Amino acid sequence: MAKRTVPRPDDDPVAAAVADDELMTIEELADRSGIAPRTIRFYQGEKLLQKPERDRTDGRVARYGPAHLERLRLVGELRDRGLKLPAIRNLLAEGDATTRVADWLGLDESLRGSWGIVEPRIVTREELAKLLVDAPAGTQGELEDGRLLLRQGAAWLIPNPGLFDLTLGLIADGVPGDLVLEAGAILGKSLGTAARELIDLFVTMVGQGYGRGIDTGTLVNAFRPAAGDAARMIFEQQLERAIEDLLNDTKRLGRQRQSGPS
């Protein structure tokens, strides 16, 4: 069986030998990877995917090997973890990309496992009735709409018991349930964006050699204890500023009304 070479995932000058029957057209690569041809071409343009080999019998036909398939899998895994393309490109750019990506993906336990472990909780109909005994009518429906409570046959799943209890406490204090859920959605959206941008920053800094001599797991573990406190303090500061802006706007509007025509 004839062999030829295609670029390795890290674009190492030492190429790996690949059998002819392992080579693919872009359509075959798309079929095997589940990624559309236009996206594959886009990744090549963004330097996330190495260039293909040209068919030796027809130079117009691009051929892809297992290395390209593996690279697409790695890019997909990193995107699934919320990394944006520039951060992924940076991670793939220096040194042995396969090792670097494996090192990053190897942080999965460290990154996911302890920012506050959330243990979902299953409750029976009777247990749920006790939890909602003092809640206003319609609270259960609101909690289900907000996906803080999910029906599971004859029982209910509480995906995040701490958030469920917090929401229920606010409702018990007289805050309308729909207002609590809308506020939670705003926080979730804003904090989700902040989290993704922080991870992008982290990957970029590591890719640029920040903290040499310290492994990435150590950096993450060092940052973790401060994350919650920092988020709380920054949010409180921003909330105070927003309240001050609101009061200033109210005062300004009051002065304008007083100075306006009677």
C-alpha atoms as a PDB file:
ATOM      1  CA  MET A   1       0.000   0.000   0.000  1.00  0.00           C
ATOM      2  CA  ALA A   2       1.395   3.379  -1.026  1.00  0.00           C
ATOM      3  CA  LYS A   3       2.350   5.831   1.679  1.00  0.00           C
ATOM      4  CA  ARG A   4       2.575   9.592   1.603  1.00  0.00           C
ATOM      5  CA  THR A   5       3.032  12.328   4.147  1.00  0.00           C
ATOM      6  CA  VAL A   6       0.575  14.878   5.478  1.00  0.00           C
ATOM      7  CA  PRO A   7       1.187  17.575   8.103  1.00  0.00           C
ATOM      8  CA  ARG A   8       0.897  16.480  11.695  1.00  0.00           C
ATOM      9  CA  PRO A   9      -1.551  18.311  14.022  1.00  0.00           C
ATOM     10  CA  ASP A  10       1.255  20.451  15.394  1.00  0.00           C
ATOM     11  CA  ASP A  11       2.646  21.201  11.922  1.00  0.00           C
ATOM     12  CA  ASP A  12       5.871  19.507  12.984  1.00  0.00           C
ATOM     13  CA  PRO A  13       8.392  19.364  10.120  1.00  0.00           C
ATOM     14  CA  VAL A  14       8.675  15.640  10.797  1.00  0.00           C
ATOM     15  CA  ALA A  15       5.569  14.442   8.997  1.00  0.00           C
ATOM     16  CA  ALA A  16       3.782  11.185   9.626  1.00  0.00           C
ATOM     17  CA  ALA A  17       3.395   8.607   6.894  1.00  0.00           C
ATOM     18  CA  VAL A  18      -0.200   8.093   5.832  1.00  0.00           C
ATOM     19  CA  ALA A  19      -1.608   5.406   3.573  1.00  0.00           C
ATOM     20  CA  ASP A  20      -3.416   6.520   0.420  1.00  0.00           C
ATOM     21  CA  ASP A  21      -6.653   4.962   1.588  1.00  0.00           C
ATOM     22  CA  GLU A  22      -6.563   7.113   4.744  1.00  0.00           C
ATOM     23  CA  LEU A  23      -6.639  10.330   2.738  1.00  0.00           C
ATOM     24  CA  MET A  24      -9.941  12.141   2.265  1.00  0.00           C
ATOM     25  CA  THR A  25     -11.495  14.829   0.141  1.00  0.00           C
ATOM     26  CA  ILE A  26     -12.954  17.803   1.995  1.00  0.00           C
ATOM     27  CA  GLU A  27     -16.411  16.301   1.587  1.00  0.00           C
ATOM     28  CA  GLU A  28     -15.250  13.022   3.153  1.00  0.00           C
ATOM     29  CA  LEU A  29     -13.547  14.919   5.961  1.00  0.00           C
ATOM     30  CA  ALA A  30     -16.758  16.857   6.553  1.00  0.00           C
ATOM     31  CA  ASP A  31     -18.762  13.640   6.652  1.00  0.00           C
ATOM     32  CA  ARG A  32     -16.412  11.983   9.155  1.00  0.00           C
ATOM     33  CA  SER A  33     -15.981  15.036  11.374  1.00  0.00           C
ATOM     34  CA  GLY A  34     -19.544  16.350  11.219  1.00  0.00           C
ATOM     35  CA  ILE A  35     -18.175  19.792  10.298  1.00  0.00           C
ATOM     36  CA  ALA A  36     -19.388  21.516   7.146  1.00  0.00           C
ATOM     37  CA  PRO A  37     -16.863  22.055   4.314  1.00  0.00           C
ATOM     38  CA  ARG A  38     -17.272  25.835   4.527  1.00  0.00           C
ATOM     39  CA  THR A  39     -16.383  25.685   8.243  1.00  0.00           C
ATOM     40  CA  ILE A  40     -13.324  23.540   7.478  1.00  0.00           C
ATOM     41  CA  ARG A  41     -12.177  26.130   4.938  1.00  0.00           C
ATOM     42  CA  PHE A  42     -12.861  28.882   7.477  1.00  0.00           C
ATOM     43  CA  TYR A  43     -10.705  27.079  10.059  1.00  0.00           C
ATOM     44  CA  GLN A  44      -7.902  26.858   7.510  1.00  0.00           C
ATOM     45  CA  GLY A  45      -8.181  30.579   6.844  1.00  0.00           C
ATOM     46  CA  GLU A  46      -8.063  31.238  10.589  1.00  0.00           C
ATOM     47  CA  LYS A  47      -4.928  29.030  10.879  1.00  0.00           C
ATOM     48  CA  LEU A  48      -6.696  26.561  13.137  1.00  0.00           C
ATOM     49  CA  LEU A  49      -6.329  23.710  10.649  1.00  0.00           C
ATOM     50  CA  GLN A  50      -3.154  22.810   8.796  1.00  0.00           C
ATOM     51  CA  LYS A  51      -3.092  22.982   4.997  1.00  0.00           C
ATOM     52  CA  PRO A  52      -4.137  19.882   3.061  1.00  0.00           C
ATOM     53  CA  GLU A  53      -1.910  17.904   0.739  1.00  0.00           C
ATOM     54  CA  ARG A  54      -2.549  18.180  -2.981  1.00  0.00           C
ATOM     55  CA  ASP A  55      -3.454  15.027  -4.850  1.00  0.00           C
ATOM     56  CA  ARG A  56      -0.380  13.860  -6.720  1.00  0.00           C
ATOM     57  CA  THR A  57      -2.449  12.917  -9.780  1.00  0.00           C
ATOM     58  CA  ASP A  58      -4.649  15.995  -9.753  1.00  0.00           C
ATOM     59  CA  GLY A  59      -3.087  18.966  -8.001  1.00  0.00           C
ATOM     60  CA  ARG A  60      -6.426  20.755  -7.849  1.00  0.00           C
ATOM     61  CA  VAL A  61      -7.846  18.228  -5.387  1.00  0.00           C
ATOM     62  CA  ALA A  62      -7.054  18.748  -1.683  1.00  0.00           C
ATOM     63  CA  ARG A  63      -6.468  15.643   0.410  1.00  0.00           C
ATOM     64  CA  TYR A  64      -6.828  15.428   4.176  1.00  0.00           C
ATOM     65  CA  GLY A  65      -5.519  12.807   6.566  1.00  0.00           C
ATOM     66  CA  PRO A  66      -6.137  11.586  10.124  1.00  0.00           C
ATOM     67  CA  ALA A  67      -4.128  14.541  11.449  1.00  0.00           C
ATOM     68  CA  HIS A  68      -6.718  16.949  10.073  1.00  0.00           C
ATOM     69  CA  LEU A  69      -9.532  14.898  11.562  1.00  0.00           C
ATOM     70  CA  GLU A  70      -7.800  14.938  14.947  1.00  0.00           C
ATOM     71  CA  ARG A  71      -7.232  18.697  14.756  1.00  0.00           C
ATOM     72  CA  LEU A  72     -10.938  19.275  14.033  1.00  0.00           C
ATOM     73  CA  ARG A  73     -11.803  17.141  17.046  1.00  0.00           C
ATOM     74  CA  LEU A  74      -9.479  19.172  19.269  1.00  0.00           C
ATOM     75  CA  VAL A  75     -10.852  22.489  18.013  1.00  0.00           C
ATOM     76  CA  GLY A  76     -14.381  21.208  18.621  1.00  0.00           C
ATOM     77  CA  GLU A  77     -13.538  20.183  22.188  1.00  0.00           C
ATOM     78  CA  LEU A  78     -12.043  23.574  22.947  1.00  0.00           C
ATOM     79  CA  ARG A  79     -15.016  25.395  21.439  1.00  0.00           C
ATOM     80  CA  ASP A  80     -17.342  23.223  23.522  1.00  0.00           C
ATOM     81  CA  ARG A  81     -15.485  24.525  26.570  1.00  0.00           C
ATOM     82  CA  GLY A  82     -16.340  28.073  25.558  1.00  0.00           C
ATOM     83  CA  LEU A  83     -13.012  29.152  24.088  1.00  0.00           C
ATOM     84  CA  LYS A  84     -13.128  31.655  21.276  1.00  0.00           C
ATOM     85  CA  LEU A  85     -11.185  31.159  18.062  1.00  0.00           C
ATOM     86  CA  PRO A  86      -8.331  33.595  18.854  1.00  0.00           C
ATOM     87  CA  ALA A  87      -7.667  31.792  22.146  1.00  0.00           C
ATOM     88  CA  ILE A  88      -7.740  28.421  20.405  1.00  0.00           C
ATOM     89  CA  ARG A  89      -5.363  29.658  17.703  1.00  0.00           C
ATOM     90  CA  ASN A  90      -2.981  30.906  20.380  1.00  0.00           C
ATOM     91  CA  LEU A  91      -3.117  27.568  22.159  1.00  0.00           C
ATOM     92  CA  LEU A  92      -2.364  25.700  18.934  1.00  0.00           C
ATOM     93  CA  ALA A  93       0.300  28.081  17.658  1.00  0.00           C
ATOM     94  CA  GLU A  94       3.342  27.409  19.830  1.00  0.00           C
ATOM     95  CA  GLY A  95       5.354  24.245  20.251  1.00  0.00           C
ATOM     96  CA  ASP A  96       3.763  20.824  20.155  1.00  0.00           C
ATOM     97  CA  ALA A  97       0.083  21.702  19.706  1.00  0.00           C
ATOM     98  CA  THR A  98      -1.081  18.186  20.487  1.00  0.00           C
ATOM     99  CA  THR A  99       0.698  18.237  23.846  1.00  0.00           C
ATOM    100  CA  ARG A 100      -0.449  21.758  24.639  1.00  0.00           C
ATOM    101  CA  VAL A 101      -4.084  21.006  23.864  1.00  0.00           C
ATOM    102  CA  ALA A 102      -3.944  17.746  25.766  1.00  0.00           C
ATOM    103  CA  ASP A 103      -2.515  19.647  28.729  1.00  0.00           C
ATOM    104  CA  TRP A 104      -5.354  22.163  28.526  1.00  0.00           C
ATOM    105  CA  LEU A 105      -8.040  19.508  28.148  1.00  0.00           C
ATOM    106  CA  GLY A 106      -6.403  17.670  31.020  1.00  0.00           C
ATOM    107  CA  LEU A 107      -7.407  20.581  33.240  1.00  0.00           C
ATOM    108  CA  ASP A 108     -11.035  19.557  32.805  1.00  0.00           C
ATOM    109  CA  GLU A 109     -11.283  18.033  36.273  1.00  0.00           C
ATOM    110  CA  SER A 110      -9.489  20.971  37.828  1.00  0.00           C
ATOM    111  CA  LEU A 111     -11.554  23.561  35.975  1.00  0.00           C
ATOM    112  CA  ARG A 112     -14.940  21.909  36.361  1.00  0.00           C
ATOM    113  CA  GLY A 113     -14.625  20.001  39.566  1.00  0.00           C
ATOM    114  CA  SER A 114     -14.468  22.520  42.347  1.00  0.00           C
ATOM    115  CA  TRP A 115     -15.718  25.984  41.639  1.00  0.00           C
ATOM    116  CA  GLY A 116     -18.524  24.973  43.903  1.00  0.00           C
ATOM    117  CA  ILE A 117     -19.714  21.440  43.347  1.00  0.00           C
ATOM    118  CA  VAL A 118     -23.443  21.427  42.667  1.00  0.00           C
ATOM    119  CA  GLU A 119     -25.224  18.203  43.558  1.00  0.00           C
ATOM    120  CA  PRO A 120     -28.671  18.006  41.935  1.00  0.00           C
ATOM    121  CA  ARG A 121     -31.477  16.868  44.190  1.00  0.00           C
ATOM    122  CA  ILE A 122     -34.549  14.727  43.504  1.00  0.00           C
ATOM    123  CA  VAL A 123     -37.669  15.407  45.554  1.00  0.00           C
ATOM    124  CA  THR A 124     -40.970  13.566  45.720  1.00  0.00           C
ATOM    125  CA  ARG A 125     -44.354  15.222  45.316  1.00  0.00           C
ATOM    126  CA  GLU A 126     -44.763  15.289  49.087  1.00  0.00           C
ATOM    127  CA  GLU A 127     -41.302  16.784  49.667  1.00  0.00           C
ATOM    128  CA  LEU A 128     -41.937  19.454  47.044  1.00  0.00           C
ATOM    129  CA  ALA A 129     -45.274  20.328  48.652  1.00  0.00           C
ATOM    130  CA  LYS A 130     -43.490  20.898  51.970  1.00  0.00           C
ATOM    131  CA  LEU A 131     -40.886  23.124  50.325  1.00  0.00           C
ATOM    132  CA  LEU A 132     -43.597  25.251  48.709  1.00  0.00           C
ATOM    133  CA  VAL A 133     -46.069  25.234  51.573  1.00  0.00           C
ATOM    134  CA  ASP A 134     -45.606  28.944  52.369  1.00  0.00           C
ATOM    135  CA  ALA A 135     -44.975  30.096  48.796  1.00  0.00           C
ATOM    136  CA  PRO A 136     -47.568  32.126  46.873  1.00  0.00           C
ATOM    137  CA  ALA A 137     -49.815  30.350  44.388  1.00  0.00           C
ATOM    138  CA  GLY A 138     -48.101  29.876  41.038  1.00  0.00           C
ATOM    139  CA  THR A 139     -44.589  29.607  42.493  1.00  0.00           C
ATOM    140  CA  GLN A 140     -44.111  26.039  41.289  1.00  0.00           C
ATOM    141  CA  GLY A 141     -44.958  27.023  37.726  1.00  0.00           C
ATOM    142  CA  GLU A 142     -42.558  29.957  37.866  1.00  0.00           C
ATOM    143  CA  LEU A 143     -39.766  27.723  39.148  1.00  0.00           C
ATOM    144  CA  GLU A 144     -40.438  25.232  36.371  1.00  0.00           C
ATOM    145  CA  ASP A 145     -40.464  28.022  33.759  1.00  0.00           C
ATOM    146  CA  GLY A 146     -37.090  29.185  35.091  1.00  0.00           C
ATOM    147  CA  ARG A 147     -35.779  25.581  34.931  1.00  0.00           C
ATOM    148  CA  LEU A 148     -34.956  25.644  38.615  1.00  0.00           C
ATOM    149  CA  LEU A 149     -37.387  22.758  38.970  1.00  0.00           C
ATOM    150  CA  LEU A 150     -37.688  19.980  36.372  1.00  0.00           C
ATOM    151  CA  ARG A 151     -40.396  17.328  36.345  1.00  0.00           C
ATOM    152  CA  GLN A 152     -39.014  13.786  36.320  1.00  0.00           C
ATOM    153  CA  GLY A 153     -41.982  11.451  36.046  1.00  0.00           C
ATOM    154  CA  ALA A 154     -43.633  11.371  39.458  1.00  0.00           C
ATOM    155  CA  ALA A 155     -40.761  13.318  41.043  1.00  0.00           C
ATOM    156  CA  TRP A 156     -38.943  16.621  40.476  1.00  0.00           C
ATOM    157  CA  LEU A 157     -35.288  17.403  39.871  1.00  0.00           C
ATOM    158  CA  ILE A 158     -33.727  20.483  41.469  1.00  0.00           C
ATOM    159  CA  PRO A 159     -30.577  21.028  39.337  1.00  0.00           C
ATOM    160  CA  ASN A 160     -29.081  23.627  41.689  1.00  0.00           C
ATOM    161  CA  PRO A 161     -30.486  23.309  45.236  1.00  0.00           C
ATOM    162  CA  GLY A 162     -28.618  26.376  46.505  1.00  0.00           C
ATOM    163  CA  LEU A 163     -30.025  28.611  43.781  1.00  0.00           C
ATOM    164  CA  PHE A 164     -33.454  27.033  44.257  1.00  0.00           C
ATOM    165  CA  ASP A 165     -33.412  27.816  47.997  1.00  0.00           C
ATOM    166  CA  LEU A 166     -32.186  31.369  47.361  1.00  0.00           C
ATOM    167  CA  THR A 167     -34.949  31.996  44.834  1.00  0.00           C
ATOM    168  CA  LEU A 168     -37.586  30.489  47.094  1.00  0.00           C
ATOM    169  CA  GLY A 169     -36.348  32.656  49.983  1.00  0.00           C
ATOM    170  CA  LEU A 170     -36.672  35.832  47.922  1.00  0.00           C
ATOM    171  CA  ILE A 171     -40.176  34.868  46.859  1.00  0.00           C
ATOM    172  CA  ALA A 172     -41.087  34.168  50.494  1.00  0.00           C
ATOM    173  CA  ASP A 173     -39.834  37.664  51.376  1.00  0.00           C
ATOM    174  CA  GLY A 174     -42.356  39.125  48.967  1.00  0.00           C
ATOM    175  CA  VAL A 175     -40.296  39.566  45.800  1.00  0.00           C
ATOM    176  CA  PRO A 176     -42.421  38.505  42.785  1.00  0.00           C
ATOM    177  CA  GLY A 177     -41.211  35.218  41.349  1.00  0.00           C
ATOM    178  CA  ASP A 178     -41.036  36.440  37.766  1.00  0.00           C
ATOM    179  CA  LEU A 179     -38.861  39.364  38.887  1.00  0.00           C
ATOM    180  CA  VAL A 180     -36.485  37.016  40.733  1.00  0.00           C
ATOM    181  CA  LEU A 181     -36.165  34.756  37.692  1.00  0.00           C
ATOM    182  CA  GLU A 182     -35.629  37.650  35.297  1.00  0.00           C
ATOM    183  CA  ALA A 183     -32.931  39.075  37.558  1.00  0.00           C
ATOM    184  CA  GLY A 184     -31.303  35.646  37.679  1.00  0.00           C
ATOM    185  CA  ALA A 185     -31.347  35.428  33.885  1.00  0.00           C
ATOM    186  CA  ILE A 186     -29.644  38.841  33.634  1.00  0.00           C
ATOM    187  CA  LEU A 187     -26.957  37.769  36.093  1.00  0.00           C
ATOM    188  CA  GLY A 188     -26.487  34.439  34.351  1.00  0.00           C
ATOM    189  CA  LYS A 189     -26.045  36.069  30.956  1.00  0.00           C
ATOM    190  CA  SER A 190     -23.623  38.734  32.169  1.00  0.00           C
ATOM    191  CA  LEU A 191     -21.578  36.412  34.364  1.00  0.00           C
ATOM    192  CA  GLY A 192     -21.497  33.797  31.607  1.00  0.00           C
ATOM    193  CA  THR A 193     -19.940  36.340  29.260  1.00  0.00           C
ATOM    194  CA  ALA A 194     -17.448  37.363  31.947  1.00  0.00           C
ATOM    195  CA  ALA A 195     -16.519  33.728  32.606  1.00  0.00           C
ATOM    196  CA  ARG A 196     -15.855  33.006  28.927  1.00  0.00           C
ATOM    197  CA  GLU A 197     -13.734  36.128  28.555  1.00  0.00           C
ATOM    198  CA  LEU A 198     -11.728  35.224  31.658  1.00  0.00           C
ATOM    199  CA  ILE A 199     -11.033  31.740  30.312  1.00  0.00           C
ATOM    200  CA  ASP A 200      -9.956  33.248  26.985  1.00  0.00           C
ATOM    201  CA  LEU A 201      -7.621  35.580  28.872  1.00  0.00           C
ATOM    202  CA  PHE A 202      -6.238  32.680  30.897  1.00  0.00           C
ATOM    203  CA  VAL A 203      -5.512  30.605  27.781  1.00  0.00           C
ATOM    204  CA  THR A 204      -3.896  33.570  26.036  1.00  0.00           C
ATOM    205  CA  MET A 205      -1.653  34.370  29.008  1.00  0.00           C
ATOM    206  CA  VAL A 206      -0.524  30.753  29.347  1.00  0.00           C
ATOM    207  CA  GLY A 207       0.098  30.591  25.597  1.00  0.00           C
ATOM    208  CA  GLN A 208       2.313  33.667  25.836  1.00  0.00           C
ATOM    209  CA  GLY A 209       4.448  32.069  28.511  1.00  0.00           C
ATOM    210  CA  TYR A 210       2.887  33.728  31.561  1.00  0.00           C
ATOM    211  CA  GLY A 211       3.835  31.984  34.770  1.00  0.00           C
ATOM    212  CA  ARG A 212       6.627  29.873  33.356  1.00  0.00           C
ATOM    213  CA  GLY A 213       7.681  27.233  35.830  1.00  0.00           C
ATOM    214  CA  ILE A 214       4.134  27.024  37.199  1.00  0.00           C
ATOM    215  CA  ASP A 215       1.847  24.428  35.690  1.00  0.00           C
ATOM    216  CA  THR A 216      -1.581  25.495  34.525  1.00  0.00           C
ATOM    217  CA  GLY A 217      -3.354  23.459  37.183  1.00  0.00           C
ATOM    218  CA  THR A 218      -1.522  25.395  39.905  1.00  0.00           C
ATOM    219  CA  LEU A 219      -2.536  28.692  38.306  1.00  0.00           C
ATOM    220  CA  VAL A 220      -6.182  27.688  38.181  1.00  0.00           C
ATOM    221  CA  ASN A 221      -6.165  26.427  41.756  1.00  0.00           C
ATOM    222  CA  ALA A 222      -4.536  29.669  42.924  1.00  0.00           C
ATOM    223  CA  PHE A 223      -7.205  31.754  41.206  1.00  0.00           C
ATOM    224  CA  ARG A 224     -10.206  29.688  42.307  1.00  0.00           C
ATOM    225  CA  PRO A 225     -10.570  30.792  45.971  1.00  0.00           C
ATOM    226  CA  ALA A 226     -10.586  34.467  44.998  1.00  0.00           C
ATOM    227  CA  ALA A 227     -13.021  34.162  42.101  1.00  0.00           C
ATOM    228  CA  GLY A 228     -16.243  34.194  44.101  1.00  0.00           C
ATOM    229  CA  ASP A 229     -15.133  36.989  46.417  1.00  0.00           C
ATOM    230  CA  ALA A 230     -13.872  39.089  43.508  1.00  0.00           C
ATOM    231  CA  ALA A 231     -17.126  38.633  41.588  1.00  0.00           C
ATOM    232  CA  ARG A 232     -19.164  39.619  44.653  1.00  0.00           C
ATOM    233  CA  MET A 233     -17.086  42.724  45.418  1.00  0.00           C
ATOM    234  CA  ILE A 234     -17.017  43.913  41.813  1.00  0.00           C
ATOM    235  CA  PHE A 235     -20.749  43.327  41.417  1.00  0.00           C
ATOM    236  CA  GLU A 236     -21.518  45.222  44.633  1.00  0.00           C
ATOM    237  CA  GLN A 237     -19.380  48.116  43.402  1.00  0.00           C
ATOM    238  CA  GLN A 238     -21.123  48.161  40.030  1.00  0.00           C
ATOM    239  CA  LEU A 239     -24.531  47.929  41.697  1.00  0.00           C
ATOM    240  CA  GLU A 240     -23.722  50.947  43.873  1.00  0.00           C
ATOM    241  CA  ARG A 241     -22.654  52.887  40.785  1.00  0.00           C
ATOM    242  CA  ALA A 242     -25.856  51.963  38.981  1.00  0.00           C
ATOM    243  CA  ILE A 243     -27.945  53.091  41.954  1.00  0.00           C
ATOM    244  CA  GLU A 244     -26.011  56.355  42.136  1.00  0.00           C
ATOM    245  CA  ASP A 245     -26.561  56.928  38.402  1.00  0.00           C
ATOM    246  CA  LEU A 246     -30.277  56.275  38.840  1.00  0.00           C
ATOM    247  CA  LEU A 247     -30.528  58.753  41.738  1.00  0.00           C
ATOM    248  CA  ASN A 248     -28.599  61.380  39.790  1.00  0.00           C
ATOM    249  CA  ASP A 249     -30.868  60.891  36.782  1.00  0.00           C
ATOM    250  CA  THR A 250     -33.921  61.231  39.024  1.00  0.00           C
ATOM    251  CA  LYS A 251     -32.607  64.448  40.565  1.00  0.00           C
ATOM    252  CA  ARG A 252     -31.762  65.845  37.140  1.00  0.00           C
ATOM    253  CA  LEU A 253     -35.227  65.036  35.853  1.00  0.00           C
ATOM    254  CA  GLY A 254     -36.766  66.683  38.924  1.00  0.00           C
ATOM    255  CA  ARG A 255     -34.798  69.878  38.335  1.00  0.00           C
ATOM    256  CA  GLN A 256     -35.786  69.936  34.681  1.00  0.00           C
ATOM    257  CA  ARG A 257     -39.453  69.655  35.593  1.00  0.00           C
ATOM    258  CA  GLN A 258     -39.153  72.437  38.161  1.00  0.00           C
ATOM    259  CA  SER A 259     -37.442  74.749  35.683  1.00  0.00           C
ATOM    260  CA  GLY A 260     -39.816  73.898  32.848  1.00  0.00           C
ATOM    261  CA  PRO A 261     -42.925  75.826  31.772  1.00  0.00           C
ATOM    262  CA  SER A 262     -45.797  75.681  34.245  1.00  0.00           C
END
